[in-house]
């Protein structure tokens, strides 16, 4: 399952990022990396072409795929194209407040989350079950590893 995100649409719903910021896309990607780390969800974020954000048409960073619309394209068109081409759009979640994209997503039976609702999810602190902390090693195992690397206290 993947979540397709209308990037600039989502930025417009976040209280602490402005579409006027020269690095608004990068700020969003930082927030999405934290969300992905908490949830493990596969994310694809789409951006319209812009004067300040120069990115290859496709890239992956921090486990998030980025799709940049080219000159004369819109991110909306890329999202709709990918929805229509997906082998099982019911597996997709689409994050946008754009009615045209929401309609296409619903026609293809994809799950739709309004960008304002998703912005709230991004802003909330992680739930205890969301944190993926590794439990500490037992002391005897720590000592075994220290001995392996010649750092033993014994």
C-alpha atoms as a PDB file:
ATOM      1  CA  UNK A   1       0.000   0.000   0.000  1.00  0.00           C
ATOM      2  CA  UNK A   2       1.203   3.468  -0.838  1.00  0.00           C
ATOM      3  CA  UNK A   3       0.092   6.939   0.121  1.00  0.00           C
ATOM      4  CA  UNK A   4       0.087   9.472  -2.727  1.00  0.00           C
ATOM      5  CA  UNK A   5       0.487  13.021  -1.409  1.00  0.00           C
ATOM      6  CA  UNK A   6      -0.368  16.261  -3.189  1.00  0.00           C
ATOM      7  CA  UNK A   7       2.675  18.088  -1.797  1.00  0.00           C
ATOM      8  CA  UNK A   8       1.870  21.751  -2.294  1.00  0.00           C
ATOM      9  CA  UNK A   9      -1.742  21.139  -1.343  1.00  0.00           C
ATOM     10  CA  UNK A  10      -0.567  19.620   1.957  1.00  0.00           C
ATOM     11  CA  UNK A  11       1.946  22.424   2.599  1.00  0.00           C
ATOM     12  CA  UNK A  12      -0.938  24.884   2.345  1.00  0.00           C
ATOM     13  CA  UNK A  13      -2.652  23.105   5.250  1.00  0.00           C
ATOM     14  CA  UNK A  14       0.371  23.015   7.574  1.00  0.00           C
ATOM     15  CA  UNK A  15       0.490  25.870  10.089  1.00  0.00           C
ATOM     16  CA  UNK A  16       4.283  26.049  10.318  1.00  0.00           C
ATOM     17  CA  UNK A  17       5.263  25.798   6.637  1.00  0.00           C
ATOM     18  CA  UNK A  18       4.394  28.418   4.050  1.00  0.00           C
ATOM     19  CA  UNK A  19       4.153  27.975   0.308  1.00  0.00           C
ATOM     20  CA  UNK A  20       6.172  31.185   0.121  1.00  0.00           C
ATOM     21  CA  UNK A  21       9.172  29.638   1.890  1.00  0.00           C
ATOM     22  CA  UNK A  22      12.018  28.937  -0.550  1.00  0.00           C
ATOM     23  CA  UNK A  23      12.547  25.525   1.085  1.00  0.00           C
ATOM     24  CA  UNK A  24       8.915  24.598   1.742  1.00  0.00           C
ATOM     25  CA  UNK A  25       9.216  21.318  -0.159  1.00  0.00           C
ATOM     26  CA  UNK A  26      12.278  20.245   1.830  1.00  0.00           C
ATOM     27  CA  UNK A  27      10.539  21.188   5.088  1.00  0.00           C
ATOM     28  CA  UNK A  28       7.622  18.967   4.084  1.00  0.00           C
ATOM     29  CA  UNK A  29       9.951  16.083   3.224  1.00  0.00           C
ATOM     30  CA  UNK A  30      11.540  16.342   6.677  1.00  0.00           C
ATOM     31  CA  UNK A  31       8.104  16.105   8.288  1.00  0.00           C
ATOM     32  CA  UNK A  32       7.142  13.193   6.029  1.00  0.00           C
ATOM     33  CA  UNK A  33      10.347  11.308   6.943  1.00  0.00           C
ATOM     34  CA  UNK A  34       9.367  11.524  10.602  1.00  0.00           C
ATOM     35  CA  UNK A  35       5.865  10.297   9.776  1.00  0.00           C
ATOM     36  CA  UNK A  36       7.274   7.446   7.709  1.00  0.00           C
ATOM     37  CA  UNK A  37       9.651   6.477  10.512  1.00  0.00           C
ATOM     38  CA  UNK A  38       6.691   6.290  12.915  1.00  0.00           C
ATOM     39  CA  UNK A  39       4.331   4.434  10.605  1.00  0.00           C
ATOM     40  CA  UNK A  40       6.474   2.548   8.086  1.00  0.00           C
ATOM     41  CA  UNK A  41       4.074   3.629   5.318  1.00  0.00           C
ATOM     42  CA  UNK A  42       5.310   3.954   1.737  1.00  0.00           C
ATOM     43  CA  UNK A  43       4.933   7.584   0.644  1.00  0.00           C
ATOM     44  CA  UNK A  44       4.966   9.199  -2.784  1.00  0.00           C
ATOM     45  CA  UNK A  45       4.844  13.003  -2.780  1.00  0.00           C
ATOM     46  CA  UNK A  46       4.090  15.058  -5.886  1.00  0.00           C
ATOM     47  CA  UNK A  47       5.205  18.657  -6.440  1.00  0.00           C
ATOM     48  CA  UNK A  48       4.277  21.192  -9.080  1.00  0.00           C
ATOM     49  CA  UNK A  49       7.179  22.777 -10.938  1.00  0.00           C
ATOM     50  CA  UNK A  50       8.517  25.807  -9.151  1.00  0.00           C
ATOM     51  CA  UNK A  51      11.115  28.507  -9.524  1.00  0.00           C
ATOM     52  CA  UNK A  52      12.995  27.591  -6.359  1.00  0.00           C
ATOM     53  CA  UNK A  53      12.678  23.831  -6.044  1.00  0.00           C
ATOM     54  CA  UNK A  54      14.896  22.083  -8.543  1.00  0.00           C
ATOM     55  CA  UNK A  55      14.594  18.329  -8.455  1.00  0.00           C
ATOM     56  CA  UNK A  56      14.858  15.519 -10.947  1.00  0.00           C
ATOM     57  CA  UNK A  57      11.483  14.303 -12.159  1.00  0.00           C
ATOM     58  CA  UNK A  58      11.797  11.279  -9.862  1.00  0.00           C
ATOM     59  CA  UNK A  59      13.929  10.618  -6.844  1.00  0.00           C
ATOM     60  CA  UNK A  60      13.803   8.818  -3.558  1.00  0.00           C
ATOM     61  CA  UNK A  61      15.049  10.298  -0.324  1.00  0.00           C
ATOM     62  CA  UNK A  62      14.594   8.990   3.186  1.00  0.00           C
ATOM     63  CA  UNK A  63      12.272   6.263   1.982  1.00  0.00           C
ATOM     64  CA  UNK A  64       9.973   8.736   0.270  1.00  0.00           C
ATOM     65  CA  UNK A  65       9.535   8.828  -3.487  1.00  0.00           C
ATOM     66  CA  UNK A  66       9.308  12.326  -4.934  1.00  0.00           C
ATOM     67  CA  UNK A  67       7.642  13.057  -8.272  1.00  0.00           C
ATOM     68  CA  UNK A  68       8.329  16.507  -9.676  1.00  0.00           C
ATOM     69  CA  UNK A  69       6.024  17.763 -12.407  1.00  0.00           C
ATOM     70  CA  UNK A  70       7.920  19.130 -15.379  1.00  0.00           C
ATOM     71  CA  UNK A  71       7.422  22.469 -17.062  1.00  0.00           C
ATOM     72  CA  UNK A  72       3.893  22.683 -18.408  1.00  0.00           C
ATOM     73  CA  UNK A  73       2.703  19.840 -16.154  1.00  0.00           C
ATOM     74  CA  UNK A  74       0.835  19.853 -12.871  1.00  0.00           C
ATOM     75  CA  UNK A  75       1.312  17.538  -9.926  1.00  0.00           C
ATOM     76  CA  UNK A  76      -2.454  16.934 -10.042  1.00  0.00           C
ATOM     77  CA  UNK A  77      -2.110  15.386 -13.504  1.00  0.00           C
ATOM     78  CA  UNK A  78       0.700  13.096 -12.332  1.00  0.00           C
ATOM     79  CA  UNK A  79      -1.338  11.916  -9.341  1.00  0.00           C
ATOM     80  CA  UNK A  80      -4.384  11.189 -11.517  1.00  0.00           C
ATOM     81  CA  UNK A  81      -2.213   9.396 -14.090  1.00  0.00           C
ATOM     82  CA  UNK A  82      -0.631   7.201 -11.416  1.00  0.00           C
ATOM     83  CA  UNK A  83      -4.035   6.450  -9.883  1.00  0.00           C
ATOM     84  CA  UNK A  84      -5.390   5.329 -13.249  1.00  0.00           C
ATOM     85  CA  UNK A  85      -2.297   3.248 -14.071  1.00  0.00           C
ATOM     86  CA  UNK A  86      -1.998   1.479 -10.715  1.00  0.00           C
ATOM     87  CA  UNK A  87      -2.746  -2.249 -10.925  1.00  0.00           C
ATOM     88  CA  UNK A  88      -4.893  -2.115  -7.765  1.00  0.00           C
ATOM     89  CA  UNK A  89      -5.865   1.457  -6.837  1.00  0.00           C
ATOM     90  CA  UNK A  90      -7.846   0.131  -3.843  1.00  0.00           C
ATOM     91  CA  UNK A  91      -4.442  -0.285  -2.172  1.00  0.00           C
ATOM     92  CA  UNK A  92      -3.739   3.436  -2.467  1.00  0.00           C
ATOM     93  CA  UNK A  93      -4.433   6.298  -0.103  1.00  0.00           C
ATOM     94  CA  UNK A  94      -4.539   9.770  -1.641  1.00  0.00           C
ATOM     95  CA  UNK A  95      -3.854  12.877   0.451  1.00  0.00           C
ATOM     96  CA  UNK A  96      -5.321  16.021  -1.107  1.00  0.00           C
ATOM     97  CA  UNK A  97      -8.019  18.641  -0.685  1.00  0.00           C
ATOM     98  CA  UNK A  98      -8.324  19.001  -4.460  1.00  0.00           C
ATOM     99  CA  UNK A  99     -11.857  17.923  -5.409  1.00  0.00           C
ATOM    100  CA  UNK A 100     -10.917  16.715  -8.913  1.00  0.00           C
ATOM    101  CA  UNK A 101      -8.226  14.388  -7.536  1.00  0.00           C
ATOM    102  CA  UNK A 102     -10.545  13.221  -4.743  1.00  0.00           C
ATOM    103  CA  UNK A 103     -13.234  12.373  -7.313  1.00  0.00           C
ATOM    104  CA  UNK A 104     -10.852  10.337  -9.472  1.00  0.00           C
ATOM    105  CA  UNK A 105      -9.502   8.554  -6.397  1.00  0.00           C
ATOM    106  CA  UNK A 106     -13.015   7.678  -5.250  1.00  0.00           C
ATOM    107  CA  UNK A 107     -13.956   6.468  -8.748  1.00  0.00           C
ATOM    108  CA  UNK A 108     -10.978   4.104  -8.562  1.00  0.00           C
ATOM    109  CA  UNK A 109     -11.909   3.093  -5.007  1.00  0.00           C
ATOM    110  CA  UNK A 110      -8.738   4.506  -3.464  1.00  0.00           C
ATOM    111  CA  UNK A 111      -8.929   5.807   0.091  1.00  0.00           C
ATOM    112  CA  UNK A 112      -8.974   9.621   0.331  1.00  0.00           C
ATOM    113  CA  UNK A 113      -7.685  11.683   3.243  1.00  0.00           C
ATOM    114  CA  UNK A 114      -8.248  15.411   3.154  1.00  0.00           C
ATOM    115  CA  UNK A 115      -4.956  17.336   3.327  1.00  0.00           C
ATOM    116  CA  UNK A 116      -6.077  19.226   6.459  1.00  0.00           C
ATOM    117  CA  UNK A 117      -6.793  15.949   8.234  1.00  0.00           C
ATOM    118  CA  UNK A 118      -3.416  14.512   7.219  1.00  0.00           C
ATOM    119  CA  UNK A 119      -1.704  17.742   8.327  1.00  0.00           C
ATOM    120  CA  UNK A 120      -3.147  17.047  11.770  1.00  0.00           C
ATOM    121  CA  UNK A 121      -1.665  13.533  11.676  1.00  0.00           C
ATOM    122  CA  UNK A 122       1.738  14.981  10.768  1.00  0.00           C
ATOM    123  CA  UNK A 123       1.551  17.453  13.628  1.00  0.00           C
ATOM    124  CA  UNK A 124       0.499  15.072  16.384  1.00  0.00           C
ATOM    125  CA  UNK A 125       3.116  13.603  18.680  1.00  0.00           C
ATOM    126  CA  UNK A 126       3.754   9.889  18.150  1.00  0.00           C
ATOM    127  CA  UNK A 127       1.626   7.461  20.135  1.00  0.00           C
ATOM    128  CA  UNK A 128       3.487   5.142  22.425  1.00  0.00           C
ATOM    129  CA  UNK A 129       2.796   2.218  20.077  1.00  0.00           C
ATOM    130  CA  UNK A 130       4.178   4.272  17.148  1.00  0.00           C
ATOM    131  CA  UNK A 131       7.630   4.531  18.637  1.00  0.00           C
ATOM    132  CA  UNK A 132       9.964   1.829  17.443  1.00  0.00           C
ATOM    133  CA  UNK A 133      12.562   1.841  20.144  1.00  0.00           C
ATOM    134  CA  UNK A 134      14.932  -1.074  20.340  1.00  0.00           C
ATOM    135  CA  UNK A 135      14.956  -2.544  23.837  1.00  0.00           C
ATOM    136  CA  UNK A 136      18.341  -2.390  25.577  1.00  0.00           C
ATOM    137  CA  UNK A 137      20.550  -5.472  25.394  1.00  0.00           C
ATOM    138  CA  UNK A 138      20.912  -7.545  28.540  1.00  0.00           C
ATOM    139  CA  UNK A 139      24.185  -6.812  30.346  1.00  0.00           C
ATOM    140  CA  UNK A 140      25.579 -10.292  29.622  1.00  0.00           C
ATOM    141  CA  UNK A 141      25.061  -9.782  25.879  1.00  0.00           C
ATOM    142  CA  UNK A 142      26.741  -6.368  26.061  1.00  0.00           C
ATOM    143  CA  UNK A 143      29.734  -8.010  27.745  1.00  0.00           C
ATOM    144  CA  UNK A 144      29.846 -10.750  25.064  1.00  0.00           C
ATOM    145  CA  UNK A 145      29.971  -8.114  22.306  1.00  0.00           C
ATOM    146  CA  UNK A 146      32.589  -6.104  24.157  1.00  0.00           C
ATOM    147  CA  UNK A 147      34.704  -9.272  24.430  1.00  0.00           C
ATOM    148  CA  UNK A 148      34.297  -9.969  20.715  1.00  0.00           C
ATOM    149  CA  UNK A 149      35.667  -6.511  19.918  1.00  0.00           C
ATOM    150  CA  UNK A 150      38.355  -6.643  22.585  1.00  0.00           C
ATOM    151  CA  UNK A 151      36.736  -4.057  24.794  1.00  0.00           C
ATOM    152  CA  UNK A 152      35.736  -6.318  27.679  1.00  0.00           C
ATOM    153  CA  UNK A 153      35.850  -4.998  31.232  1.00  0.00           C
ATOM    154  CA  UNK A 154      36.815  -8.467  32.404  1.00  0.00           C
END
